[in-house]
Amino acid sequence: MMMRPNTLRKYQRIQQRYRELYDGKRLRHDDVIQHLMDEFFISELTVYRILRTEIPSPKQSDSHEKDSKSD
C-alpha cells in the first residue's frame, strides 16, 4: 500500500509511541490506547487500524521514495 510521506511518518510515530508507553513505561494496553487517542486526537478505531498496519522501517521507506522519484 502506498502512503503519502506525512501519513507514513504519522503512523510510524504512533506505533513508536505505543511501544514507548507499553514496553517502556509498562502501561496497560487500554491505558496506552486512551493515551494515544488523547495525544494524537484520533478515535479508538483509528488507533487500532494504525497499530495493525504494517509500516516499512524508515530506511526501507527512504530507499523506496528515492526509487519512485527517479522514475
PDB file of N, CA and C in Angstrom:
ATOM      1  N   MET A   1       0.844  -1.172   0.000  1.00  0.00           N
ATOM      2  CA  MET A   1       0.000   0.000   0.000  1.00  0.00           C
ATOM      3  C   MET A   1       0.894   1.242   0.000  1.00  0.00           C
ATOM      4  N   MET A   2       0.628   2.136  -0.895  1.00  0.00           N
ATOM      5  CA  MET A   2       1.406   3.363  -0.997  1.00  0.00           C
ATOM      6  C   MET A   2       0.761   4.431  -0.127  1.00  0.00           C
ATOM      7  N   MET A   3       1.552   4.997   0.772  1.00  0.00           N
ATOM      8  CA  MET A   3       1.061   6.049   1.650  1.00  0.00           C
ATOM      9  C   MET A   3       1.786   7.345   1.351  1.00  0.00           C
ATOM     10  N   ARG A   4       1.118   8.426   1.622  1.00  0.00           N
ATOM     11  CA  ARG A   4       1.773   9.719   1.497  1.00  0.00           C
ATOM     12  C   ARG A   4       2.843   9.819   2.583  1.00  0.00           C
ATOM     13  N   PRO A   5       3.915  10.551   2.321  1.00  0.00           N
ATOM     14  CA  PRO A   5       5.019  10.631   3.289  1.00  0.00           C
ATOM     15  C   PRO A   5       4.590  11.104   4.676  1.00  0.00           C
ATOM     16  N   ASN A   6       3.712  12.082   4.746  1.00  0.00           N
ATOM     17  CA  ASN A   6       3.272  12.577   6.058  1.00  0.00           C
ATOM     18  C   ASN A   6       2.447  11.540   6.808  1.00  0.00           C
ATOM     19  N   THR A   7       1.628  10.803   6.093  1.00  0.00           N
ATOM     20  CA  THR A   7       0.834   9.741   6.717  1.00  0.00           C
ATOM     21  C   THR A   7       1.750   8.654   7.242  1.00  0.00           C
ATOM     22  N   LEU A   8       2.748   8.305   6.463  1.00  0.00           N
ATOM     23  CA  LEU A   8       3.709   7.286   6.865  1.00  0.00           C
ATOM     24  C   LEU A   8       4.436   7.705   8.141  1.00  0.00           C
ATOM     25  N   ARG A   9       4.882   8.952   8.194  1.00  0.00           N
ATOM     26  CA  ARG A   9       5.571   9.445   9.394  1.00  0.00           C
ATOM     27  C   ARG A   9       4.632   9.450  10.604  1.00  0.00           C
ATOM     28  N   LYS A  10       3.382   9.817  10.384  1.00  0.00           N
ATOM     29  CA  LYS A  10       2.406   9.828  11.483  1.00  0.00           C
ATOM     30  C   LYS A  10       2.185   8.417  12.015  1.00  0.00           C
ATOM     31  N   TYR A  11       2.005   7.451  11.124  1.00  0.00           N
ATOM     32  CA  TYR A  11       1.803   6.067  11.534  1.00  0.00           C
ATOM     33  C   TYR A  11       3.028   5.547  12.279  1.00  0.00           C
ATOM     34  N   GLN A  12       4.217   5.859  11.774  1.00  0.00           N
ATOM     35  CA  GLN A  12       5.441   5.420  12.444  1.00  0.00           C
ATOM     36  C   GLN A  12       5.529   6.019  13.843  1.00  0.00           C
ATOM     37  N   ARG A  13       5.191   7.287  13.976  1.00  0.00           N
ATOM     38  CA  ARG A  13       5.260   7.955  15.277  1.00  0.00           C
ATOM     39  C   ARG A  13       4.257   7.361  16.265  1.00  0.00           C
ATOM     40  N   ILE A  14       3.058   7.060  15.801  1.00  0.00           N
ATOM     41  CA  ILE A  14       2.046   6.478  16.689  1.00  0.00           C
ATOM     42  C   ILE A  14       2.475   5.081  17.129  1.00  0.00           C
ATOM     43  N   GLN A  15       2.989   4.285  16.205  1.00  0.00           N
ATOM     44  CA  GLN A  15       3.452   2.947  16.562  1.00  0.00           C
ATOM     45  C   GLN A  15       4.643   3.010  17.510  1.00  0.00           C
ATOM     46  N   GLN A  16       5.544   3.943  17.280  1.00  0.00           N
ATOM     47  CA  GLN A  16       6.700   4.120  18.163  1.00  0.00           C
ATOM     48  C   GLN A  16       6.241   4.549  19.559  1.00  0.00           C
ATOM     49  N   ARG A  17       5.299   5.468  19.608  1.00  0.00           N
ATOM     50  CA  ARG A  17       4.785   5.960  20.895  1.00  0.00           C
ATOM     51  C   ARG A  17       4.087   4.842  21.654  1.00  0.00           C
ATOM     52  N   TYR A  18       3.373   3.969  20.933  1.00  0.00           N
ATOM     53  CA  TYR A  18       2.730   2.824  21.577  1.00  0.00           C
ATOM     54  C   TYR A  18       3.783   1.961  22.264  1.00  0.00           C
ATOM     55  N   ARG A  19       4.865   1.653  21.552  1.00  0.00           N
ATOM     56  CA  ARG A  19       5.932   0.828  22.127  1.00  0.00           C
ATOM     57  C   ARG A  19       6.583   1.518  23.336  1.00  0.00           C
ATOM     58  N   GLU A  20       6.773   2.841  23.259  1.00  0.00           N
ATOM     59  CA  GLU A  20       7.356   3.579  24.386  1.00  0.00           C
ATOM     60  C   GLU A  20       6.484   3.453  25.634  1.00  0.00           C
ATOM     61  N   LEU A  21       5.191   3.628  25.449  1.00  0.00           N
ATOM     62  CA  LEU A  21       4.284   3.598  26.595  1.00  0.00           C
ATOM     63  C   LEU A  21       4.062   2.183  27.116  1.00  0.00           C
ATOM     64  N   TYR A  22       3.881   1.231  26.221  1.00  0.00           N
ATOM     65  CA  TYR A  22       3.557  -0.139  26.632  1.00  0.00           C
ATOM     66  C   TYR A  22       4.788  -0.877  27.141  1.00  0.00           C
ATOM     67  N   ASP A  23       5.869  -0.823  26.372  1.00  0.00           N
ATOM     68  CA  ASP A  23       7.074  -1.558  26.748  1.00  0.00           C
ATOM     69  C   ASP A  23       7.951  -0.772  27.721  1.00  0.00           C
ATOM     70  N   GLY A  24       8.064   0.532  27.504  1.00  0.00           N
ATOM     71  CA  GLY A  24       8.941   1.346  28.329  1.00  0.00           C
ATOM     72  C   GLY A  24       8.338   1.721  29.663  1.00  0.00           C
ATOM     73  N   LYS A  25       7.171   2.351  29.626  1.00  0.00           N
ATOM     74  CA  LYS A  25       6.533   2.811  30.864  1.00  0.00           C
ATOM     75  C   LYS A  25       5.639   1.750  31.495  1.00  0.00           C
ATOM     76  N   ARG A  26       5.458   0.629  30.781  1.00  0.00           N
ATOM     77  CA  ARG A  26       4.704  -0.517  31.293  1.00  0.00           C
ATOM     78  C   ARG A  26       3.249  -0.174  31.644  1.00  0.00           C
ATOM     79  N   LEU A  27       2.618   0.662  30.789  1.00  0.00           N
ATOM     80  CA  LEU A  27       1.203   0.956  30.982  1.00  0.00           C
ATOM     81  C   LEU A  27       0.361  -0.183  30.436  1.00  0.00           C
ATOM     82  N   ARG A  28      -0.857  -0.288  30.942  1.00  0.00           N
ATOM     83  CA  ARG A  28      -1.784  -1.305  30.427  1.00  0.00           C
ATOM     84  C   ARG A  28      -2.186  -0.947  29.001  1.00  0.00           C
ATOM     85  N   HIS A  29      -2.558  -1.971  28.225  1.00  0.00           N
ATOM     86  CA  HIS A  29      -2.912  -1.783  26.819  1.00  0.00           C
ATOM     87  C   HIS A  29      -4.034  -0.759  26.657  1.00  0.00           C
ATOM     88  N   ASP A  30      -5.101  -0.899  27.411  1.00  0.00           N
ATOM     89  CA  ASP A  30      -6.222   0.036  27.266  1.00  0.00           C
ATOM     90  C   ASP A  30      -5.840   1.455  27.683  1.00  0.00           C
ATOM     91  N   ASP A  31      -4.936   1.598  28.645  1.00  0.00           N
ATOM     92  CA  ASP A  31      -4.454   2.933  29.029  1.00  0.00           C
ATOM     93  C   ASP A  31      -3.605   3.541  27.915  1.00  0.00           C
ATOM     94  N   VAL A  32      -2.809   2.716  27.256  1.00  0.00           N
ATOM     95  CA  VAL A  32      -1.987   3.210  26.141  1.00  0.00           C
ATOM     96  C   VAL A  32      -2.878   3.679  25.003  1.00  0.00           C
ATOM     97  N   ILE A  33      -3.906   2.903  24.678  1.00  0.00           N
ATOM     98  CA  ILE A  33      -4.831   3.283  23.606  1.00  0.00           C
ATOM     99  C   ILE A  33      -5.488   4.620  23.936  1.00  0.00           C
ATOM    100  N   GLN A  34      -5.938   4.778  25.163  1.00  0.00           N
ATOM    101  CA  GLN A  34      -6.570   6.039  25.586  1.00  0.00           C
ATOM    102  C   GLN A  34      -5.579   7.195  25.501  1.00  0.00           C
ATOM    103  N   HIS A  35      -4.349   6.952  25.915  1.00  0.00           N
ATOM    104  CA  HIS A  35      -3.317   7.994  25.855  1.00  0.00           C
ATOM    105  C   HIS A  35      -3.057   8.418  24.405  1.00  0.00           C
ATOM    106  N   LEU A  36      -2.981   7.448  23.494  1.00  0.00           N
ATOM    107  CA  LEU A  36      -2.762   7.759  22.079  1.00  0.00           C
ATOM    108  C   LEU A  36      -3.945   8.541  21.502  1.00  0.00           C
ATOM    109  N   MET A  37      -5.149   8.170  21.890  1.00  0.00           N
ATOM    110  CA  MET A  37      -6.335   8.888  21.426  1.00  0.00           C
ATOM    111  C   MET A  37      -6.264  10.352  21.840  1.00  0.00           C
ATOM    112  N   ASP A  38      -5.873  10.594  23.089  1.00  0.00           N
ATOM    113  CA  ASP A  38      -5.795  11.963  23.607  1.00  0.00           C
ATOM    114  C   ASP A  38      -4.616  12.730  23.008  1.00  0.00           C
ATOM    115  N   GLU A  39      -3.489  12.058  22.865  1.00  0.00           N
ATOM    116  CA  GLU A  39      -2.278  12.725  22.387  1.00  0.00           C
ATOM    117  C   GLU A  39      -2.352  13.096  20.905  1.00  0.00           C
ATOM    118  N   PHE A  40      -2.925  12.198  20.083  1.00  0.00           N
ATOM    119  CA  PHE A  40      -2.959  12.429  18.636  1.00  0.00           C
ATOM    120  C   PHE A  40      -4.335  12.867  18.125  1.00  0.00           C
ATOM    121  N   PHE A  41      -5.305  13.000  19.015  1.00  0.00           N
ATOM    122  CA  PHE A  41      -6.662  13.452  18.647  1.00  0.00           C
ATOM    123  C   PHE A  41      -7.289  12.561  17.571  1.00  0.00           C
ATOM    124  N   ILE A  42      -7.239  11.255  17.808  1.00  0.00           N
ATOM    125  CA  ILE A  42      -7.820  10.294  16.873  1.00  0.00           C
ATOM    126  C   ILE A  42      -8.716   9.329  17.639  1.00  0.00           C
ATOM    127  N   SER A  43      -9.611   8.659  16.915  1.00  0.00           N
ATOM    128  CA  SER A  43     -10.557   7.750  17.553  1.00  0.00           C
ATOM    129  C   SER A  43      -9.896   6.416  17.900  1.00  0.00           C
ATOM    130  N   GLU A  44     -10.579   5.653  18.719  1.00  0.00           N
ATOM    131  CA  GLU A  44     -10.085   4.339  19.125  1.00  0.00           C
ATOM    132  C   GLU A  44      -9.923   3.416  17.920  1.00  0.00           C
ATOM    133  N   LEU A  45     -10.894   3.434  17.015  1.00  0.00           N
ATOM    134  CA  LEU A  45     -10.802   2.588  15.826  1.00  0.00           C
ATOM    135  C   LEU A  45      -9.606   2.962  14.957  1.00  0.00           C
ATOM    136  N   THR A  46      -9.331   4.243  14.864  1.00  0.00           N
ATOM    137  CA  THR A  46      -8.179   4.705  14.079  1.00  0.00           C
ATOM    138  C   THR A  46      -6.876   4.249  14.722  1.00  0.00           C
ATOM    139  N   VAL A  47      -6.790   4.307  16.044  1.00  0.00           N
ATOM    140  CA  VAL A  47      -5.590   3.833  16.736  1.00  0.00           C
ATOM    141  C   VAL A  47      -5.363   2.356  16.424  1.00  0.00           C
ATOM    142  N   TYR A  48      -6.406   1.549  16.551  1.00  0.00           N
ATOM    143  CA  TYR A  48      -6.264   0.119  16.278  1.00  0.00           C
ATOM    144  C   TYR A  48      -5.877  -0.138  14.822  1.00  0.00           C
ATOM    145  N   ARG A  49      -6.468   0.607  13.896  1.00  0.00           N
ATOM    146  CA  ARG A  49      -6.125   0.436  12.479  1.00  0.00           C
ATOM    147  C   ARG A  49      -4.652   0.748  12.227  1.00  0.00           C
ATOM    148  N   ILE A  50      -4.172   1.828  12.828  1.00  0.00           N
ATOM    149  CA  ILE A  50      -2.774   2.225  12.650  1.00  0.00           C
ATOM    150  C   ILE A  50      -1.844   1.185  13.260  1.00  0.00           C
ATOM    151  N   LEU A  51      -2.185   0.668  14.429  1.00  0.00           N
ATOM    152  CA  LEU A  51      -1.331  -0.326  15.067  1.00  0.00           C
ATOM    153  C   LEU A  51      -1.287  -1.632  14.286  1.00  0.00           C
ATOM    154  N   ARG A  52      -2.359  -1.964  13.581  1.00  0.00           N
ATOM    155  CA  ARG A  52      -2.385  -3.186  12.761  1.00  0.00           C
ATOM    156  C   ARG A  52      -1.681  -3.007  11.424  1.00  0.00           C
ATOM    157  N   THR A  53      -1.501  -1.780  10.981  1.00  0.00           N
ATOM    158  CA  THR A  53      -0.903  -1.506   9.679  1.00  0.00           C
ATOM    159  C   THR A  53       0.589  -1.794   9.721  1.00  0.00           C
ATOM    160  N   GLU A  54       1.044  -2.572   8.754  1.00  0.00           N
ATOM    161  CA  GLU A  54       2.464  -2.884   8.663  1.00  0.00           C
ATOM    162  C   GLU A  54       3.171  -1.732   7.964  1.00  0.00           C
ATOM    163  N   ILE A  55       4.113  -1.129   8.650  1.00  0.00           N
ATOM    164  CA  ILE A  55       4.831   0.035   8.147  1.00  0.00           C
ATOM    165  C   ILE A  55       6.275  -0.381   7.888  1.00  0.00           C
ATOM    166  N   PRO A  56       6.816  -0.049   6.709  1.00  0.00           N
ATOM    167  CA  PRO A  56       8.234  -0.354   6.481  1.00  0.00           C
ATOM    168  C   PRO A  56       9.106   0.492   7.404  1.00  0.00           C
ATOM    169  N   SER A  57      10.280  -0.009   7.705  1.00  0.00           N
ATOM    170  CA  SER A  57      11.191   0.755   8.550  1.00  0.00           C
ATOM    171  C   SER A  57      11.583   2.038   7.828  1.00  0.00           C
ATOM    172  N   PRO A  58      12.032   3.053   8.556  1.00  0.00           N
ATOM    173  CA  PRO A  58      12.380   4.335   7.915  1.00  0.00           C
ATOM    174  C   PRO A  58      13.417   4.173   6.795  1.00  0.00           C
ATOM    175  N   LYS A  59      14.396   3.293   6.945  1.00  0.00           N
ATOM    176  CA  LYS A  59      15.401   3.094   5.903  1.00  0.00           C
ATOM    177  C   LYS A  59      14.765   2.530   4.639  1.00  0.00           C
ATOM    178  N   GLN A  60      13.848   1.574   4.796  1.00  0.00           N
ATOM    179  CA  GLN A  60      13.172   0.987   3.638  1.00  0.00           C
ATOM    180  C   GLN A  60      12.296   2.018   2.944  1.00  0.00           C
ATOM    181  N   SER A  61      11.587   2.820   3.699  1.00  0.00           N
ATOM    182  CA  SER A  61      10.700   3.808   3.084  1.00  0.00           C
ATOM    183  C   SER A  61      11.500   4.890   2.372  1.00  0.00           C
ATOM    184  N   ASP A  62      12.671   5.277   2.913  1.00  0.00           N
ATOM    185  CA  ASP A  62      13.516   6.280   2.257  1.00  0.00           C
ATOM    186  C   ASP A  62      14.035   5.763   0.926  1.00  0.00           C
ATOM    187  N   SER A  63      14.489   4.527   0.885  1.00  0.00           N
ATOM    188  CA  SER A  63      15.010   3.983  -0.365  1.00  0.00           C
ATOM    189  C   SER A  63      13.897   3.811  -1.372  1.00  0.00           C
ATOM    190  N   HIS A  64      12.682   3.483  -0.911  1.00  0.00           N
ATOM    191  CA  HIS A  64      11.548   3.344  -1.820  1.00  0.00           C
ATOM    192  C   HIS A  64      11.179   4.689  -2.425  1.00  0.00           C
ATOM    193  N   GLU A  65      11.214   5.754  -1.609  1.00  0.00           N
ATOM    194  CA  GLU A  65      10.894   7.090  -2.116  1.00  0.00           C
ATOM    195  C   GLU A  65      11.914   7.525  -3.165  1.00  0.00           C
ATOM    196  N   LYS A  66      13.191   7.216  -2.960  1.00  0.00           N
ATOM    197  CA  LYS A  66      14.223   7.588  -3.902  1.00  0.00           C
ATOM    198  C   LYS A  66      14.004   6.852  -5.221  1.00  0.00           C
ATOM    199  N   ASP A  67      13.629   5.561  -5.137  1.00  0.00           N
ATOM    200  CA  ASP A  67      13.376   4.768  -6.341  1.00  0.00           C
ATOM    201  C   ASP A  67      12.199   5.332  -7.121  1.00  0.00           C
ATOM    202  N   SER A  68      11.142   5.709  -6.416  1.00  0.00           N
ATOM    203  CA  SER A  68       9.946   6.211  -7.106  1.00  0.00           C
ATOM    204  C   SER A  68      10.183   7.590  -7.700  1.00  0.00           C
ATOM    205  N   LYS A  69      11.064   8.398  -7.091  1.00  0.00           N
ATOM    206  CA  LYS A  69      11.351   9.731  -7.640  1.00  0.00           C
ATOM    207  C   LYS A  69      12.196   9.656  -8.899  1.00  0.00           C
ATOM    208  N   SER A  70      13.000   8.615  -9.031  1.00  0.00           N
ATOM    209  CA  SER A  70      13.865   8.517 -10.211  1.00  0.00           C
ATOM    210  C   SER A  70      13.101   8.043 -11.433  1.00  0.00           C
ATOM    211  N   ASP A  71      11.875   7.553 -11.265  1.00  0.00           N
ATOM    212  CA  ASP A  71      11.078   7.076 -12.411  1.00  0.00           C
ATOM    213  C   ASP A  71      10.505   8.214 -13.217  1.00  0.00           C
TER     214      ASP A  71
END
